[in-house]
C-alpha atoms as a PDB file:
ATOM      1  CA  MET A   1     -28.370 -15.910  16.665  1.00  0.00           C
ATOM      2  CA  ASN A   2     -28.965 -14.811  13.099  1.00  0.00           C
ATOM      3  CA  THR A   3     -26.154 -15.019  10.603  1.00  0.00           C
ATOM      4  CA  LEU A   4     -25.658 -12.997   7.461  1.00  0.00           C
ATOM      5  CA  ASN A   5     -26.860 -16.080   5.575  1.00  0.00           C
ATOM      6  CA  ASP A   6     -30.291 -15.530   7.148  1.00  0.00           C
ATOM      7  CA  LEU A   7     -30.526 -12.089   5.497  1.00  0.00           C
ATOM      8  CA  ASP A   8     -32.008 -11.379   2.114  1.00  0.00           C
ATOM      9  CA  PHE A   9     -28.990 -11.303  -0.225  1.00  0.00           C
ATOM     10  CA  SER A  10     -29.337  -7.596  -1.040  1.00  0.00           C
ATOM     11  CA  LYS A  11     -29.412  -6.789   2.691  1.00  0.00           C
ATOM     12  CA  LEU A  12     -26.315  -8.915   3.183  1.00  0.00           C
ATOM     13  CA  LEU A  13     -24.523  -6.896   0.514  1.00  0.00           C
ATOM     14  CA  ILE A  14     -25.614  -3.669   2.197  1.00  0.00           C
ATOM     15  CA  GLU A  15     -24.156  -4.959   5.474  1.00  0.00           C
ATOM     16  CA  LEU A  16     -20.905  -5.852   3.674  1.00  0.00           C
ATOM     17  CA  VAL A  17     -20.616  -2.341   2.216  1.00  0.00           C
ATOM     18  CA  GLU A  18     -21.287  -0.819   5.631  1.00  0.00           C
ATOM     19  CA  LEU A  19     -18.662  -3.106   7.170  1.00  0.00           C
ATOM     20  CA  ASP A  20     -16.163  -2.073   4.482  1.00  0.00           C
ATOM     21  CA  TYR A  21     -16.930   1.621   5.086  1.00  0.00           C
ATOM     22  CA  ASN A  22     -16.343   1.111   8.792  1.00  0.00           C
ATOM     23  CA  ALA A  23     -13.063  -0.689   8.060  1.00  0.00           C
ATOM     24  CA  VAL A  24     -11.944   2.195   5.805  1.00  0.00           C
ATOM     25  CA  GLU A  25     -12.503   4.613   8.688  1.00  0.00           C
ATOM     26  CA  ALA A  26     -10.580   2.387  11.112  1.00  0.00           C
ATOM     27  CA  TYR A  27      -7.695   1.916   8.657  1.00  0.00           C
ATOM     28  CA  SER A  28      -7.493   5.658   8.067  1.00  0.00           C
ATOM     29  CA  LEU A  29      -7.115   6.220  11.795  1.00  0.00           C
ATOM     30  CA  ALA A  30      -4.656   3.325  12.195  1.00  0.00           C
ATOM     31  CA  VAL A  31      -2.418   4.688   9.430  1.00  0.00           C
ATOM     32  CA  ASP A  32      -2.480   8.072  11.148  1.00  0.00           C
ATOM     33  CA  LYS A  33      -1.665   6.665  14.592  1.00  0.00           C
ATOM     34  CA  ILE A  34       0.798   3.875  13.859  1.00  0.00           C
ATOM     35  CA  GLU A  35       4.435   4.836  14.341  1.00  0.00           C
ATOM     36  CA  ASN A  36       6.278   2.118  12.412  1.00  0.00           C
ATOM     37  CA  GLU A  37       6.625   3.496   8.893  1.00  0.00           C
ATOM     38  CA  ASP A  38       6.967  -0.053   7.480  1.00  0.00           C
ATOM     39  CA  TYR A  39       3.380  -0.759   8.547  1.00  0.00           C
ATOM     40  CA  LYS A  40       1.799   2.258   6.902  1.00  0.00           C
ATOM     41  CA  ALA A  41       2.010   1.113   3.255  1.00  0.00           C
ATOM     42  CA  PRO A  42       0.363  -2.297   3.832  1.00  0.00           C
ATOM     43  CA  LEU A  43      -2.361  -0.703   5.965  1.00  0.00           C
ATOM     44  CA  GLN A  44      -3.010   1.908   3.274  1.00  0.00           C
ATOM     45  CA  LYS A  45      -3.234  -0.877   0.681  1.00  0.00           C
ATOM     46  CA  PHE A  46      -5.757  -2.735   2.848  1.00  0.00           C
ATOM     47  CA  GLN A  47      -7.764   0.475   3.181  1.00  0.00           C
ATOM     48  CA  GLN A  48      -7.766   0.776  -0.621  1.00  0.00           C
ATOM     49  CA  ASP A  49      -8.982  -2.820  -0.915  1.00  0.00           C
ATOM     50  CA  HIS A  50     -11.934  -1.991   1.345  1.00  0.00           C
ATOM     51  CA  GLU A  51     -12.633   1.122  -0.751  1.00  0.00           C
ATOM     52  CA  ARG A  52     -12.617  -1.042  -3.902  1.00  0.00           C
ATOM     53  CA  HIS A  53     -15.038  -3.501  -2.264  1.00  0.00           C
ATOM     54  CA  ILE A  54     -17.411  -0.610  -1.540  1.00  0.00           C
ATOM     55  CA  LYS A  55     -17.305   0.564  -5.152  1.00  0.00           C
ATOM     56  CA  GLU A  56     -17.719  -2.897  -6.673  1.00  0.00           C
ATOM     57  CA  ILE A  57     -20.529  -4.056  -4.399  1.00  0.00           C
ATOM     58  CA  ASN A  58     -22.361  -0.742  -4.739  1.00  0.00           C
ATOM     59  CA  GLU A  59     -22.250  -1.137  -8.526  1.00  0.00           C
ATOM     60  CA  ILE A  60     -23.853  -4.570  -8.227  1.00  0.00           C
ATOM     61  CA  LEU A  61     -26.507  -3.236  -5.846  1.00  0.00           C
ATOM     62  CA  VAL A  62     -27.417  -0.509  -8.347  1.00  0.00           C
ATOM     63  CA  ASN A  63     -27.551  -3.105 -11.147  1.00  0.00           C
ATOM     64  CA  HIS A  64     -30.119  -4.953  -9.017  1.00  0.00           C
ATOM     65  CA  ASN A  65     -32.214  -1.808  -8.489  1.00  0.00           C
ATOM     66  CA  GLN A  66     -30.964  -1.236  -4.946  1.00  0.00           C
ATOM     67  CA  GLU A  67     -29.649   2.025  -3.545  1.00  0.00           C
ATOM     68  CA  SER A  68     -25.909   2.348  -3.184  1.00  0.00           C
ATOM     69  CA  ILE A  69     -24.544   2.864   0.303  1.00  0.00           C
ATOM     70  CA  LYS A  70     -22.803   6.222   0.724  1.00  0.00           C
ATOM     71  CA  LYS A  71     -21.306   6.247   4.218  1.00  0.00           C
ATOM     72  CA  PRO A  72     -20.254   4.199   7.238  1.00  0.00           C
ATOM     73  CA  THR A  73     -22.603   3.267  10.037  1.00  0.00           C
ATOM     74  CA  THR A  74     -22.358   4.482  13.599  1.00  0.00           C
ATOM     75  CA  LYS A  75     -20.444   1.257  14.308  1.00  0.00           C
ATOM     76  CA  GLN A  76     -17.434   3.046  12.813  1.00  0.00           C
ATOM     77  CA  TRP A  77     -17.049   4.776  16.179  1.00  0.00           C
ATOM     78  CA  LEU A  78     -16.686   1.435  17.953  1.00  0.00           C
ATOM     79  CA  LEU A  79     -14.021   0.337  15.487  1.00  0.00           C
ATOM     80  CA  LYS A  80     -12.226   3.661  15.596  1.00  0.00           C
ATOM     81  CA  GLY A  81     -12.506   3.488  19.382  1.00  0.00           C
ATOM     82  CA  LYS A  82     -10.584   0.199  19.340  1.00  0.00           C
ATOM     83  CA  VAL A  83      -7.775   1.895  17.428  1.00  0.00           C
ATOM     84  CA  LEU A  84      -7.795   4.960  19.693  1.00  0.00           C
ATOM     85  CA  LEU A  85      -7.695   2.816  22.838  1.00  0.00           C
ATOM     86  CA  ALA A  86      -4.838   0.822  21.369  1.00  0.00           C
ATOM     87  CA  ASP A  87      -3.015   4.047  20.538  1.00  0.00           C
ATOM     88  CA  ILE A  88      -3.175   5.206  24.167  1.00  0.00           C
ATOM     89  CA  THR A  89      -0.532   2.629  25.008  1.00  0.00           C
ATOM     90  CA  GLY A  90       1.738   3.991  22.278  1.00  0.00           C
ATOM     91  CA  ASP A  91       2.269   0.441  21.086  1.00  0.00           C
ATOM     92  CA  ASP A  92       1.854  -0.336  17.381  1.00  0.00           C
ATOM     93  CA  LYS A  93       1.142  -3.971  18.227  1.00  0.00           C
ATOM     94  CA  ASN A  94      -2.024  -2.936  20.057  1.00  0.00           C
ATOM     95  CA  ILE A  95      -3.182  -0.975  17.010  1.00  0.00           C
ATOM     96  CA  LEU A  96      -2.529  -4.043  14.862  1.00  0.00           C
ATOM     97  CA  LYS A  97      -4.485  -6.177  17.335  1.00  0.00           C
ATOM     98  CA  ALA A  98      -7.417  -3.802  16.986  1.00  0.00           C
ATOM     99  CA  MET A  99      -7.189  -4.061  13.199  1.00  0.00           C
ATOM    100  CA  ASP A 100      -6.939  -7.851  13.493  1.00  0.00           C
ATOM    101  CA  SER A 101     -10.286  -7.959  15.292  1.00  0.00           C
ATOM    102  CA  ILE A 102     -11.809  -5.838  12.522  1.00  0.00           C
ATOM    103  CA  GLU A 103     -10.393  -8.163   9.893  1.00  0.00           C
ATOM    104  CA  GLU A 104     -11.741 -11.154  11.820  1.00  0.00           C
ATOM    105  CA  GLU A 105     -15.232  -9.733  11.395  1.00  0.00           C
ATOM    106  CA  SER A 106     -14.622  -8.926   7.725  1.00  0.00           C
ATOM    107  CA  ASN A 107     -13.363 -12.450   7.040  1.00  0.00           C
ATOM    108  CA  LYS A 108     -16.445 -13.993   8.613  1.00  0.00           C
ATOM    109  CA  ALA A 109     -18.767 -11.692   6.689  1.00  0.00           C
ATOM    110  CA  TYR A 110     -17.120 -12.419   3.335  1.00  0.00           C
ATOM    111  CA  GLU A 111     -17.075 -16.161   4.050  1.00  0.00           C
ATOM    112  CA  GLU A 112     -20.811 -16.084   4.765  1.00  0.00           C
ATOM    113  CA  ALA A 113     -21.493 -13.962   1.687  1.00  0.00           C
ATOM    114  CA  ASN A 114     -19.636 -16.429  -0.523  1.00  0.00           C
ATOM    115  CA  GLN A 115     -21.732 -19.270   0.881  1.00  0.00           C
ATOM    116  CA  HIS A 116     -25.111 -17.501   0.824  1.00  0.00           C
ATOM    117  CA  LYS A 117     -27.929 -19.661  -0.458  1.00  0.00           C
ATOM    118  CA  ASP A 118     -29.212 -16.891  -2.772  1.00  0.00           C
ATOM    119  CA  ILE A 119     -25.911 -15.507  -4.095  1.00  0.00           C
ATOM    120  CA  TRP A 120     -26.230 -13.511  -7.315  1.00  0.00           C
ATOM    121  CA  ASN A 121     -24.238 -14.849 -10.265  1.00  0.00           C
ATOM    122  CA  ASP A 122     -22.895 -11.420 -11.208  1.00  0.00           C
ATOM    123  CA  ILE A 123     -21.135 -10.936  -7.874  1.00  0.00           C
ATOM    124  CA  THR A 124     -19.472 -14.289  -7.240  1.00  0.00           C
ATOM    125  CA  THR A 125     -16.071 -13.186  -8.603  1.00  0.00           C
ATOM    126  CA  ILE A 126     -16.185  -9.942  -6.608  1.00  0.00           C
ATOM    127  CA  LEU A 127     -17.037 -11.768  -3.375  1.00  0.00           C
ATOM    128  CA  LYS A 128     -14.334 -14.383  -3.932  1.00  0.00           C
ATOM    129  CA  GLN A 129     -11.766 -11.613  -4.497  1.00  0.00           C
ATOM    130  CA  GLY A 130     -13.078  -9.785  -1.438  1.00  0.00           C
ATOM    131  CA  LEU A 131     -12.609 -12.884   0.723  1.00  0.00           C
ATOM    132  CA  GLU A 132      -9.120 -13.379  -0.693  1.00  0.00           C
ATOM    133  CA  ASP A 133      -8.298  -9.747   0.175  1.00  0.00           C
ATOM    134  CA  GLU A 134      -9.663 -10.137   3.713  1.00  0.00           C
ATOM    135  CA  ARG A 135      -7.644 -13.289   4.285  1.00  0.00           C
ATOM    136  CA  LYS A 136      -4.516 -11.548   2.986  1.00  0.00           C
ATOM    137  CA  HIS A 137      -5.097  -8.622   5.359  1.00  0.00           C
ATOM    138  CA  LYS A 138      -5.560 -10.906   8.346  1.00  0.00           C
ATOM    139  CA  LYS A 139      -2.548 -13.037   7.441  1.00  0.00           C
ATOM    140  CA  TRP A 140      -0.283  -9.978   7.169  1.00  0.00           C
ATOM    141  CA  ILE A 141      -1.512  -8.561  10.476  1.00  0.00           C
ATOM    142  CA  GLU A 142      -1.095 -11.908  12.264  1.00  0.00           C
ATOM    143  CA  SER A 143       2.388 -12.510  10.856  1.00  0.00           C
ATOM    144  CA  THR A 144       3.422  -8.957  11.747  1.00  0.00           C
ATOM    145  CA  LEU A 145       2.127  -9.406  15.287  1.00  0.00           C
ATOM    146  CA  THR A 146       4.159 -12.592  15.723  1.00  0.00           C
ATOM    147  CA  SER A 147       7.376 -11.315  14.126  1.00  0.00           C
ATOM    148  CA  LYS A 148      10.229 -10.517  16.493  1.00  0.00           C
ATOM    149  CA  ASP A 149      10.941  -7.002  15.244  1.00  0.00           C
ATOM    150  CA  SER A 150       7.394  -5.672  15.435  1.00  0.00           C
END
């Protein structure tokens, strides 16, 4: 099985932007569907982090004579589908579980990007911050899922 590290670095960044776009779409739906008001602000912040990743990585792509990515992939429907299926139960925990699986994928992608053999010097700080953001998202979701009052 190929990993992101097997991709040309510019293609890896394109995949990261697409993944972030897909996450933005899923977070937008999760914020709309989740009932616990205390969860909405963190989820909106995570969505904004993904939006920032898109902007920052696209800027680097353009600086390297690559086209910026303008929209999510069709995979967004799979991710949004996870949230919609979770919402059918009317249980916020299931929506958070769907978002946790999305963050699992994001964490892996950012870890691989940070370790890529051909990483560009002008993006290392952005990728490190992106990984830190992804870890923070996952940690909040996991701790919220295990808390007694969620």
